N, C-alpha and C. Protein backbone atom coordinates (compact mmCIF):
# COMPACT_ATOMS: atom_id res chain seq x y z
N UNK A 1 54.42 73.18 189.05
CA UNK A 1 55.51 72.20 189.11
C UNK A 1 54.99 70.86 188.60
N UNK A 2 55.71 70.29 187.71
CA UNK A 2 55.30 68.98 187.20
C UNK A 2 56.43 67.98 187.39
N UNK A 3 56.04 66.75 187.53
CA UNK A 3 57.00 65.66 187.71
C UNK A 3 57.32 65.08 186.34
N UNK A 4 58.61 64.94 186.05
CA UNK A 4 59.01 64.37 184.77
C UNK A 4 58.79 62.85 184.80
N UNK A 5 58.31 62.31 183.72
CA UNK A 5 58.18 60.87 183.56
C UNK A 5 59.16 60.45 182.47
N UNK A 6 60.12 59.62 182.84
CA UNK A 6 61.19 59.21 181.93
C UNK A 6 61.13 57.71 181.73
N UNK A 7 61.29 57.28 180.50
CA UNK A 7 61.36 55.85 180.20
C UNK A 7 62.81 55.47 179.90
N UNK A 8 63.27 54.40 180.53
CA UNK A 8 64.65 53.96 180.33
C UNK A 8 64.67 52.43 180.30
N UNK A 9 64.37 51.87 179.13
CA UNK A 9 64.30 50.43 178.99
C UNK A 9 65.56 49.90 178.31
N UNK A 10 65.99 48.71 178.72
CA UNK A 10 67.13 48.05 178.10
C UNK A 10 66.65 46.72 177.51
N UNK A 11 66.71 46.58 176.19
CA UNK A 11 66.27 45.36 175.50
C UNK A 11 64.86 44.94 175.92
N UNK A 12 63.95 45.90 175.96
CA UNK A 12 62.59 45.62 176.41
C UNK A 12 61.65 46.60 175.71
N UNK A 13 60.56 46.08 175.19
CA UNK A 13 59.53 46.96 174.64
C UNK A 13 58.25 46.72 175.44
N UNK A 14 57.78 47.73 176.14
CA UNK A 14 56.61 47.55 177.00
C UNK A 14 55.34 47.29 176.20
N UNK A 15 54.45 46.46 176.76
CA UNK A 15 53.20 46.13 176.06
C UNK A 15 52.18 47.27 176.09
N UNK A 16 52.35 48.22 177.00
CA UNK A 16 51.44 49.36 177.13
C UNK A 16 52.23 50.66 177.13
N UNK A 17 51.54 51.76 176.95
CA UNK A 17 52.17 53.07 177.05
C UNK A 17 52.18 53.48 178.52
N UNK A 18 53.18 52.98 179.25
CA UNK A 18 53.26 53.23 180.68
C UNK A 18 53.49 54.70 181.00
N UNK A 19 54.14 55.41 180.10
CA UNK A 19 54.38 56.83 180.32
C UNK A 19 53.06 57.60 180.38
N UNK A 20 52.16 57.30 179.48
CA UNK A 20 50.85 57.95 179.47
C UNK A 20 50.06 57.59 180.72
N UNK A 21 50.14 56.34 181.14
CA UNK A 21 49.43 55.91 182.35
C UNK A 21 49.98 56.65 183.56
N UNK A 22 51.31 56.75 183.66
CA UNK A 22 51.93 57.43 184.80
C UNK A 22 51.54 58.91 184.83
N UNK A 23 51.53 59.56 183.68
CA UNK A 23 51.13 60.97 183.62
C UNK A 23 49.68 61.15 184.03
N UNK A 24 48.83 60.23 183.59
CA UNK A 24 47.41 60.28 183.93
C UNK A 24 47.22 60.11 185.44
N UNK A 25 47.99 59.19 186.04
CA UNK A 25 47.87 58.96 187.48
C UNK A 25 48.41 60.14 188.28
N UNK A 26 49.52 60.71 187.84
CA UNK A 26 50.12 61.84 188.57
C UNK A 26 49.27 63.10 188.45
N UNK A 27 48.47 63.22 187.39
CA UNK A 27 47.64 64.40 187.19
C UNK A 27 46.56 64.53 188.26
N UNK A 28 46.18 63.43 188.89
CA UNK A 28 45.11 63.48 189.90
C UNK A 28 45.64 63.58 191.33
N UNK A 29 46.96 63.61 191.48
CA UNK A 29 47.56 63.73 192.82
C UNK A 29 47.62 65.21 193.19
N UNK A 30 47.19 65.57 194.41
CA UNK A 30 47.29 66.97 194.83
C UNK A 30 48.75 67.46 194.75
N UNK A 31 48.91 68.69 194.31
CA UNK A 31 50.23 69.28 194.06
C UNK A 31 51.13 69.26 195.29
N UNK A 32 50.55 69.41 196.47
CA UNK A 32 51.39 69.47 197.68
C UNK A 32 52.14 68.15 197.93
N UNK A 33 51.63 67.03 197.43
CA UNK A 33 52.31 65.75 197.63
C UNK A 33 53.35 65.46 196.54
N UNK A 34 53.38 66.31 195.52
CA UNK A 34 54.38 66.15 194.47
C UNK A 34 55.57 67.09 194.66
N UNK A 35 55.47 68.01 195.61
CA UNK A 35 56.57 68.95 195.82
C UNK A 35 57.80 68.20 196.32
N UNK A 36 58.92 68.51 195.71
CA UNK A 36 60.18 67.86 196.08
C UNK A 36 60.43 66.57 195.31
N UNK A 37 59.46 66.14 194.51
CA UNK A 37 59.64 64.93 193.71
C UNK A 37 60.10 65.36 192.32
N UNK A 38 61.27 64.89 191.90
CA UNK A 38 61.85 65.31 190.64
C UNK A 38 61.29 64.54 189.46
N UNK A 39 61.29 63.21 189.54
CA UNK A 39 60.88 62.43 188.38
C UNK A 39 60.40 61.04 188.76
N UNK A 40 59.75 60.42 187.80
CA UNK A 40 59.37 59.01 187.87
C UNK A 40 60.08 58.34 186.70
N UNK A 41 60.92 57.37 187.00
CA UNK A 41 61.68 56.67 185.97
C UNK A 41 61.06 55.30 185.77
N UNK A 42 60.62 55.03 184.54
CA UNK A 42 60.05 53.74 184.19
C UNK A 42 61.14 52.92 183.52
N UNK A 43 61.43 51.77 184.06
CA UNK A 43 62.49 50.93 183.51
C UNK A 43 62.13 49.46 183.71
N UNK A 44 62.98 48.59 183.21
CA UNK A 44 62.75 47.16 183.39
C UNK A 44 63.83 46.60 184.31
N UNK A 45 63.42 45.75 185.24
CA UNK A 45 64.36 45.16 186.19
C UNK A 45 65.35 44.25 185.47
N UNK A 46 64.88 43.58 184.43
CA UNK A 46 65.76 42.67 183.70
C UNK A 46 66.90 43.41 183.01
N UNK A 47 66.76 44.71 182.79
CA UNK A 47 67.80 45.49 182.15
C UNK A 47 68.75 46.15 183.14
N UNK A 48 68.53 45.95 184.42
CA UNK A 48 69.40 46.55 185.43
C UNK A 48 70.66 45.71 185.61
N UNK A 49 71.74 46.32 186.07
CA UNK A 49 72.96 45.55 186.34
C UNK A 49 72.70 44.49 187.41
N UNK A 50 73.48 43.44 187.39
CA UNK A 50 73.29 42.31 188.31
C UNK A 50 73.33 42.74 189.77
N UNK A 51 74.22 43.65 190.10
CA UNK A 51 74.34 44.09 191.50
C UNK A 51 73.07 44.78 192.00
N UNK A 52 72.27 45.35 191.08
CA UNK A 52 71.01 45.97 191.47
C UNK A 52 69.85 44.99 191.44
N UNK A 53 70.00 43.88 190.72
CA UNK A 53 68.93 42.88 190.64
C UNK A 53 68.98 41.87 191.77
N UNK A 54 70.17 41.65 192.32
CA UNK A 54 70.32 40.64 193.37
C UNK A 54 70.39 41.32 194.73
N UNK A 55 70.23 40.54 195.76
CA UNK A 55 70.26 41.07 197.11
C UNK A 55 68.86 41.16 197.70
N UNK A 56 68.78 41.78 198.86
CA UNK A 56 67.50 41.89 199.55
C UNK A 56 67.28 43.32 200.02
N UNK A 57 66.02 43.61 200.33
CA UNK A 57 65.62 44.91 200.88
C UNK A 57 64.78 44.67 202.12
N UNK A 58 64.87 45.55 203.12
CA UNK A 58 64.02 45.37 204.31
C UNK A 58 62.58 45.77 204.02
N UNK A 59 61.64 44.98 204.53
CA UNK A 59 60.22 45.30 204.41
C UNK A 59 59.46 44.66 205.55
N UNK A 60 58.79 45.48 206.34
CA UNK A 60 57.97 45.03 207.46
C UNK A 60 58.71 44.06 208.38
N UNK A 61 59.92 44.42 208.74
CA UNK A 61 60.68 43.62 209.69
C UNK A 61 61.30 42.37 209.12
N UNK A 62 61.23 42.18 207.82
CA UNK A 62 61.86 41.02 207.20
C UNK A 62 62.55 41.47 205.93
N UNK A 63 63.18 40.56 205.23
CA UNK A 63 63.90 40.91 204.01
C UNK A 63 63.20 40.27 202.81
N UNK A 64 63.09 41.03 201.73
CA UNK A 64 62.54 40.47 200.50
C UNK A 64 63.58 40.60 199.39
N UNK A 65 63.51 39.71 198.42
CA UNK A 65 64.47 39.73 197.32
C UNK A 65 64.17 40.90 196.40
N UNK A 66 65.22 41.52 195.88
CA UNK A 66 65.07 42.65 194.97
C UNK A 66 64.29 42.26 193.71
N UNK A 67 64.39 41.00 193.30
CA UNK A 67 63.71 40.58 192.09
C UNK A 67 62.19 40.53 192.25
N UNK A 68 61.70 40.68 193.48
CA UNK A 68 60.26 40.69 193.74
C UNK A 68 59.72 42.11 193.89
N UNK A 69 60.59 43.11 193.76
CA UNK A 69 60.21 44.50 193.96
C UNK A 69 59.77 45.11 192.63
N UNK A 70 58.64 45.83 192.66
CA UNK A 70 58.13 46.45 191.43
C UNK A 70 58.44 47.94 191.37
N UNK A 71 58.90 48.53 192.47
CA UNK A 71 59.22 49.94 192.47
C UNK A 71 60.07 50.31 193.67
N UNK A 72 60.79 51.42 193.54
CA UNK A 72 61.64 51.91 194.62
C UNK A 72 61.47 53.42 194.74
N UNK A 73 61.49 53.90 195.98
CA UNK A 73 61.48 55.34 196.24
C UNK A 73 62.89 55.73 196.66
N UNK A 74 63.44 56.70 195.97
CA UNK A 74 64.77 57.22 196.30
C UNK A 74 64.58 58.61 196.89
N UNK A 75 64.82 58.75 198.18
CA UNK A 75 64.61 60.02 198.85
C UNK A 75 65.62 61.08 198.44
N UNK A 76 65.32 62.32 198.81
CA UNK A 76 66.23 63.43 198.53
C UNK A 76 67.54 63.18 199.26
N UNK A 77 68.65 63.44 198.56
CA UNK A 77 69.95 63.14 199.14
C UNK A 77 71.02 63.98 198.47
N UNK A 78 71.84 64.63 199.25
CA UNK A 78 72.96 65.44 198.77
C UNK A 78 72.55 66.45 197.69
N UNK A 79 71.50 67.17 197.96
CA UNK A 79 71.06 68.22 197.05
C UNK A 79 70.22 67.74 195.88
N UNK A 80 70.04 66.45 195.72
CA UNK A 80 69.19 65.94 194.64
C UNK A 80 67.78 65.73 195.17
N UNK A 81 66.81 66.02 194.33
CA UNK A 81 65.42 65.80 194.72
C UNK A 81 65.10 64.31 194.73
N UNK A 82 64.01 63.98 195.38
CA UNK A 82 63.56 62.59 195.44
C UNK A 82 63.07 62.16 194.06
N UNK A 83 63.12 60.83 193.80
CA UNK A 83 62.60 60.29 192.56
C UNK A 83 62.11 58.88 192.79
N UNK A 84 61.26 58.43 191.89
CA UNK A 84 60.64 57.11 191.99
C UNK A 84 61.08 56.28 190.80
N UNK A 85 61.41 55.03 191.06
CA UNK A 85 61.81 54.09 190.01
C UNK A 85 60.77 52.98 189.97
N UNK A 86 60.16 52.76 188.81
CA UNK A 86 59.13 51.74 188.65
C UNK A 86 59.63 50.72 187.63
N UNK A 87 59.65 49.45 188.04
CA UNK A 87 60.06 48.36 187.15
C UNK A 87 58.81 47.80 186.49
N UNK A 88 58.54 48.23 185.26
CA UNK A 88 57.28 47.90 184.61
C UNK A 88 57.15 46.41 184.28
N UNK A 89 58.28 45.71 184.14
CA UNK A 89 58.19 44.28 183.84
C UNK A 89 57.85 43.46 185.08
N UNK A 90 57.82 44.08 186.24
CA UNK A 90 57.48 43.39 187.49
C UNK A 90 56.04 43.63 187.92
N UNK A 91 55.32 44.49 187.23
CA UNK A 91 53.96 44.84 187.61
C UNK A 91 53.00 43.80 187.06
N UNK A 92 52.12 43.32 187.91
CA UNK A 92 51.08 42.36 187.49
C UNK A 92 49.95 43.13 186.84
N UNK A 93 49.96 43.17 185.51
CA UNK A 93 48.92 43.88 184.78
C UNK A 93 47.78 42.91 184.44
N UNK A 94 46.61 43.46 184.09
CA UNK A 94 45.49 42.57 183.73
C UNK A 94 45.84 41.76 182.47
N UNK A 95 45.16 40.65 182.25
CA UNK A 95 45.41 39.85 181.04
C UNK A 95 45.22 40.71 179.77
N UNK A 96 45.86 40.30 178.71
CA UNK A 96 45.87 41.08 177.46
C UNK A 96 44.46 41.45 176.99
N UNK A 97 43.50 40.55 177.19
CA UNK A 97 42.13 40.81 176.73
C UNK A 97 41.47 41.96 177.49
N UNK A 98 41.96 42.29 178.70
CA UNK A 98 41.35 43.34 179.52
C UNK A 98 42.18 44.61 179.59
N UNK A 99 43.31 44.67 178.89
CA UNK A 99 44.18 45.84 178.99
C UNK A 99 43.58 47.09 178.36
N UNK A 100 42.61 46.93 177.49
CA UNK A 100 41.98 48.08 176.86
C UNK A 100 41.08 48.83 177.83
N UNK A 101 40.74 48.20 178.95
CA UNK A 101 39.89 48.86 179.95
C UNK A 101 40.79 49.78 180.78
N UNK A 102 40.69 51.06 180.51
CA UNK A 102 41.60 52.03 181.10
C UNK A 102 41.60 52.04 182.64
N UNK A 103 40.46 51.99 183.32
CA UNK A 103 40.51 51.98 184.79
C UNK A 103 41.28 50.78 185.35
N UNK A 104 41.20 49.62 184.70
CA UNK A 104 41.94 48.46 185.17
C UNK A 104 43.45 48.68 185.06
N UNK A 105 43.90 49.16 183.91
CA UNK A 105 45.33 49.44 183.74
C UNK A 105 45.80 50.50 184.72
N UNK A 106 44.97 51.52 184.93
CA UNK A 106 45.32 52.57 185.89
C UNK A 106 45.46 52.01 187.30
N UNK A 107 44.54 51.15 187.69
CA UNK A 107 44.58 50.61 189.06
C UNK A 107 45.76 49.68 189.27
N UNK A 108 46.04 48.83 188.29
CA UNK A 108 47.16 47.89 188.44
C UNK A 108 48.49 48.63 188.48
N UNK A 109 48.68 49.58 187.56
CA UNK A 109 49.92 50.35 187.54
C UNK A 109 49.98 51.30 188.73
N UNK A 110 48.82 51.88 189.06
CA UNK A 110 48.75 52.81 190.19
C UNK A 110 49.06 52.17 191.52
N UNK A 111 48.82 50.87 191.62
CA UNK A 111 49.13 50.17 192.86
C UNK A 111 50.61 50.34 193.22
N UNK A 112 51.47 50.25 192.24
CA UNK A 112 52.92 50.40 192.47
C UNK A 112 53.30 51.87 192.57
N UNK A 113 52.86 52.67 191.60
CA UNK A 113 53.25 54.08 191.58
C UNK A 113 52.75 54.81 192.82
N UNK A 114 51.51 54.59 193.20
CA UNK A 114 50.96 55.27 194.36
C UNK A 114 51.58 54.78 195.67
N UNK A 115 51.99 53.52 195.72
CA UNK A 115 52.68 53.03 196.93
C UNK A 115 54.00 53.79 197.10
N UNK A 116 54.76 53.90 196.01
CA UNK A 116 56.03 54.62 196.09
C UNK A 116 55.81 56.10 196.36
N UNK A 117 54.77 56.66 195.78
CA UNK A 117 54.42 58.05 196.06
C UNK A 117 53.99 58.22 197.51
N UNK A 118 53.44 57.16 198.09
CA UNK A 118 53.10 57.17 199.52
C UNK A 118 54.33 57.33 200.39
N UNK A 119 55.45 56.71 199.97
CA UNK A 119 56.70 56.92 200.71
C UNK A 119 57.12 58.38 200.66
N UNK A 120 56.92 59.02 199.51
CA UNK A 120 57.26 60.44 199.38
C UNK A 120 56.31 61.29 200.24
N UNK A 121 55.02 60.98 200.20
CA UNK A 121 54.06 61.72 201.01
C UNK A 121 54.37 61.57 202.49
N UNK A 122 54.93 60.43 202.87
CA UNK A 122 55.30 60.19 204.26
C UNK A 122 56.42 61.13 204.70
N UNK A 123 57.29 61.55 203.77
CA UNK A 123 58.35 62.50 204.13
C UNK A 123 57.79 63.90 204.28
N UNK A 124 56.68 64.19 203.58
CA UNK A 124 56.07 65.52 203.65
C UNK A 124 55.16 65.62 204.88
N UNK A 125 54.38 64.59 205.10
CA UNK A 125 53.43 64.57 206.21
C UNK A 125 53.73 63.35 207.07
N UNK A 126 54.52 63.53 208.09
CA UNK A 126 55.01 62.45 208.93
C UNK A 126 53.89 61.77 209.73
N UNK A 127 53.97 60.45 209.75
CA UNK A 127 53.11 59.62 210.61
C UNK A 127 54.04 58.65 211.30
N UNK A 128 53.82 58.41 212.56
CA UNK A 128 54.74 57.58 213.34
C UNK A 128 54.21 56.15 213.45
N UNK A 129 54.26 55.50 212.29
CA UNK A 129 53.91 54.08 212.17
C UNK A 129 54.90 53.44 211.22
N UNK A 130 54.74 52.16 210.99
CA UNK A 130 55.60 51.44 210.04
C UNK A 130 55.49 52.10 208.66
N UNK A 131 56.64 52.35 208.03
CA UNK A 131 56.64 53.10 206.77
C UNK A 131 55.87 52.38 205.66
N UNK A 132 55.93 51.06 205.60
CA UNK A 132 55.20 50.33 204.56
C UNK A 132 53.69 50.43 204.78
N UNK A 133 53.26 50.41 206.04
CA UNK A 133 51.83 50.56 206.33
C UNK A 133 51.35 51.95 205.92
N UNK A 134 52.16 52.96 206.21
CA UNK A 134 51.80 54.33 205.83
C UNK A 134 51.73 54.46 204.32
N UNK A 135 52.71 53.87 203.62
CA UNK A 135 52.71 53.94 202.15
C UNK A 135 51.49 53.24 201.56
N UNK A 136 51.08 52.13 202.17
CA UNK A 136 49.87 51.43 201.69
C UNK A 136 48.62 52.27 201.92
N UNK A 137 48.54 52.95 203.06
CA UNK A 137 47.39 53.83 203.31
C UNK A 137 47.35 54.97 202.30
N UNK A 138 48.50 55.54 201.98
CA UNK A 138 48.56 56.60 200.97
C UNK A 138 48.19 56.03 199.60
N UNK A 139 48.59 54.82 199.30
CA UNK A 139 48.25 54.20 198.02
C UNK A 139 46.73 54.14 197.86
N UNK A 140 46.05 53.72 198.91
CA UNK A 140 44.59 53.63 198.86
C UNK A 140 43.99 55.02 198.68
N UNK A 141 44.48 56.01 199.42
CA UNK A 141 43.96 57.38 199.30
C UNK A 141 44.12 57.91 197.89
N UNK A 142 45.33 57.75 197.33
CA UNK A 142 45.59 58.25 195.99
C UNK A 142 44.76 57.50 194.95
N UNK A 143 44.57 56.19 195.12
CA UNK A 143 43.77 55.41 194.17
C UNK A 143 42.31 55.83 194.18
N UNK A 144 41.76 56.01 195.37
CA UNK A 144 40.37 56.45 195.49
C UNK A 144 40.21 57.84 194.89
N UNK A 145 41.16 58.71 195.16
CA UNK A 145 41.12 60.06 194.59
C UNK A 145 41.17 60.01 193.07
N UNK A 146 42.01 59.14 192.51
CA UNK A 146 42.11 59.01 191.05
C UNK A 146 40.79 58.49 190.47
N UNK A 147 40.22 57.48 191.09
CA UNK A 147 38.94 56.95 190.61
C UNK A 147 37.85 58.02 190.68
N UNK A 148 37.84 58.76 191.77
CA UNK A 148 36.81 59.78 191.97
C UNK A 148 36.93 60.89 190.92
N UNK A 149 38.17 61.29 190.59
CA UNK A 149 38.35 62.39 189.65
C UNK A 149 38.26 61.96 188.19
N UNK A 150 38.86 60.82 187.86
CA UNK A 150 38.94 60.41 186.45
C UNK A 150 37.75 59.58 185.99
N UNK A 151 37.24 58.76 186.88
CA UNK A 151 36.16 57.85 186.51
C UNK A 151 35.02 58.02 187.52
N UNK A 152 34.47 59.23 187.58
CA UNK A 152 33.50 59.55 188.61
C UNK A 152 32.24 58.70 188.52
N UNK A 153 31.84 58.34 187.31
CA UNK A 153 30.64 57.50 187.18
C UNK A 153 30.92 56.09 187.69
N UNK A 154 32.06 55.54 187.31
CA UNK A 154 32.46 54.21 187.79
C UNK A 154 32.63 54.23 189.31
N UNK A 155 33.20 55.30 189.84
CA UNK A 155 33.38 55.42 191.28
C UNK A 155 32.03 55.38 191.99
N UNK A 156 31.05 56.09 191.45
CA UNK A 156 29.71 56.09 192.05
C UNK A 156 29.08 54.71 192.04
N UNK A 157 29.23 54.00 190.93
CA UNK A 157 28.67 52.65 190.82
C UNK A 157 29.36 51.70 191.80
N UNK A 158 30.69 51.79 191.88
CA UNK A 158 31.43 50.93 192.82
C UNK A 158 31.06 51.24 194.27
N UNK A 159 30.89 52.51 194.57
CA UNK A 159 30.52 52.90 195.94
C UNK A 159 29.12 52.36 196.28
N UNK A 160 28.21 52.45 195.34
CA UNK A 160 26.86 51.93 195.54
C UNK A 160 26.89 50.41 195.73
N UNK A 161 27.68 49.72 194.91
CA UNK A 161 27.80 48.27 195.03
C UNK A 161 28.40 47.88 196.38
N UNK A 162 29.38 48.62 196.85
CA UNK A 162 30.00 48.32 198.15
C UNK A 162 28.99 48.53 199.28
N UNK A 163 28.21 49.59 199.21
CA UNK A 163 27.19 49.84 200.24
C UNK A 163 26.11 48.76 200.22
N UNK A 164 25.69 48.34 199.03
CA UNK A 164 24.70 47.27 198.93
C UNK A 164 25.24 45.96 199.50
N UNK A 165 26.47 45.65 199.18
CA UNK A 165 27.09 44.43 199.69
C UNK A 165 27.16 44.45 201.21
N UNK A 166 27.56 45.60 201.74
CA UNK A 166 27.65 45.75 203.21
C UNK A 166 26.29 45.56 203.86
N UNK A 167 25.24 46.14 203.25
CA UNK A 167 23.89 46.02 203.80
C UNK A 167 23.40 44.58 203.73
N UNK A 168 23.66 43.90 202.63
CA UNK A 168 23.23 42.50 202.48
C UNK A 168 23.95 41.62 203.49
N UNK A 169 25.24 41.83 203.67
CA UNK A 169 25.99 41.04 204.66
C UNK A 169 25.48 41.30 206.07
N UNK A 170 25.15 42.55 206.36
CA UNK A 170 24.63 42.89 207.69
C UNK A 170 23.29 42.19 207.93
N UNK A 171 22.43 42.19 206.91
CA UNK A 171 21.13 41.52 207.04
C UNK A 171 21.29 40.01 207.16
N UNK A 172 22.19 39.43 206.38
CA UNK A 172 22.37 37.98 206.44
C UNK A 172 22.98 37.56 207.78
N UNK A 173 23.86 38.38 208.33
CA UNK A 173 24.42 38.07 209.66
C UNK A 173 23.35 38.19 210.73
N UNK A 174 22.47 39.17 210.60
CA UNK A 174 21.40 39.35 211.57
C UNK A 174 20.43 38.17 211.51
N UNK A 175 20.11 37.70 210.29
CA UNK A 175 19.18 36.59 210.12
C UNK A 175 19.80 35.27 210.59
N UNK A 176 21.09 35.09 210.36
CA UNK A 176 21.72 33.82 210.75
C UNK A 176 21.87 33.74 212.27
N UNK A 177 22.06 34.85 212.95
CA UNK A 177 22.18 34.80 214.41
C UNK A 177 20.81 34.61 215.04
N UNK A 178 19.74 35.15 214.44
CA UNK A 178 18.40 34.98 215.02
C UNK A 178 17.83 33.58 214.71
N UNK A 179 18.32 32.95 213.64
CA UNK A 179 17.81 31.63 213.29
C UNK A 179 18.54 30.49 214.00
N UNK A 180 19.57 30.83 214.74
CA UNK A 180 20.34 29.82 215.45
C UNK A 180 19.55 29.33 216.66
N UNK A 181 19.27 28.01 216.73
CA UNK A 181 18.51 27.51 217.89
C UNK A 181 19.38 27.50 219.15
N UNK A 182 18.76 27.81 220.25
CA UNK A 182 19.47 27.79 221.53
C UNK A 182 18.97 26.59 222.34
N UNK A 183 19.87 25.96 223.02
CA UNK A 183 19.47 24.76 223.78
C UNK A 183 19.25 25.07 225.22
């Protein structure tokens, strides 16, 4: 089973091949989390009708403006499968000089796609916490999995750097507490 990736732009030409990025990101997601997901639609928010661009959405107990949203998860409803809508013009991508670095583009775009996919994973594997928190946890899981599978050498280097940083901070905290004079 594969998830369709559809592009639907209105008066907009994307600066990157978002379809290829989305397919690359979805390829590393375990199949069980894609079941029941029909498609990922890539579009631009500026091309949406006014009634869909204005208004607010609930998030973490408060309301946010629709114009600040980079993606939406549409759950299964009335016999239709679930689908994800990603507004590519709302995604904060790296500066033009760094867009050629594939892991950076994957991580920036994956931040939105994997968050919305986290909402879908939440319907498959229920957790009884705030839905946005669960989606963020799934985003991190899917991102780490993508880095591990697609950029295994980079993942190893980043993991080593994180462990070194943690060890250095632990040593500096130990030295600063022992060097503190007591009165």
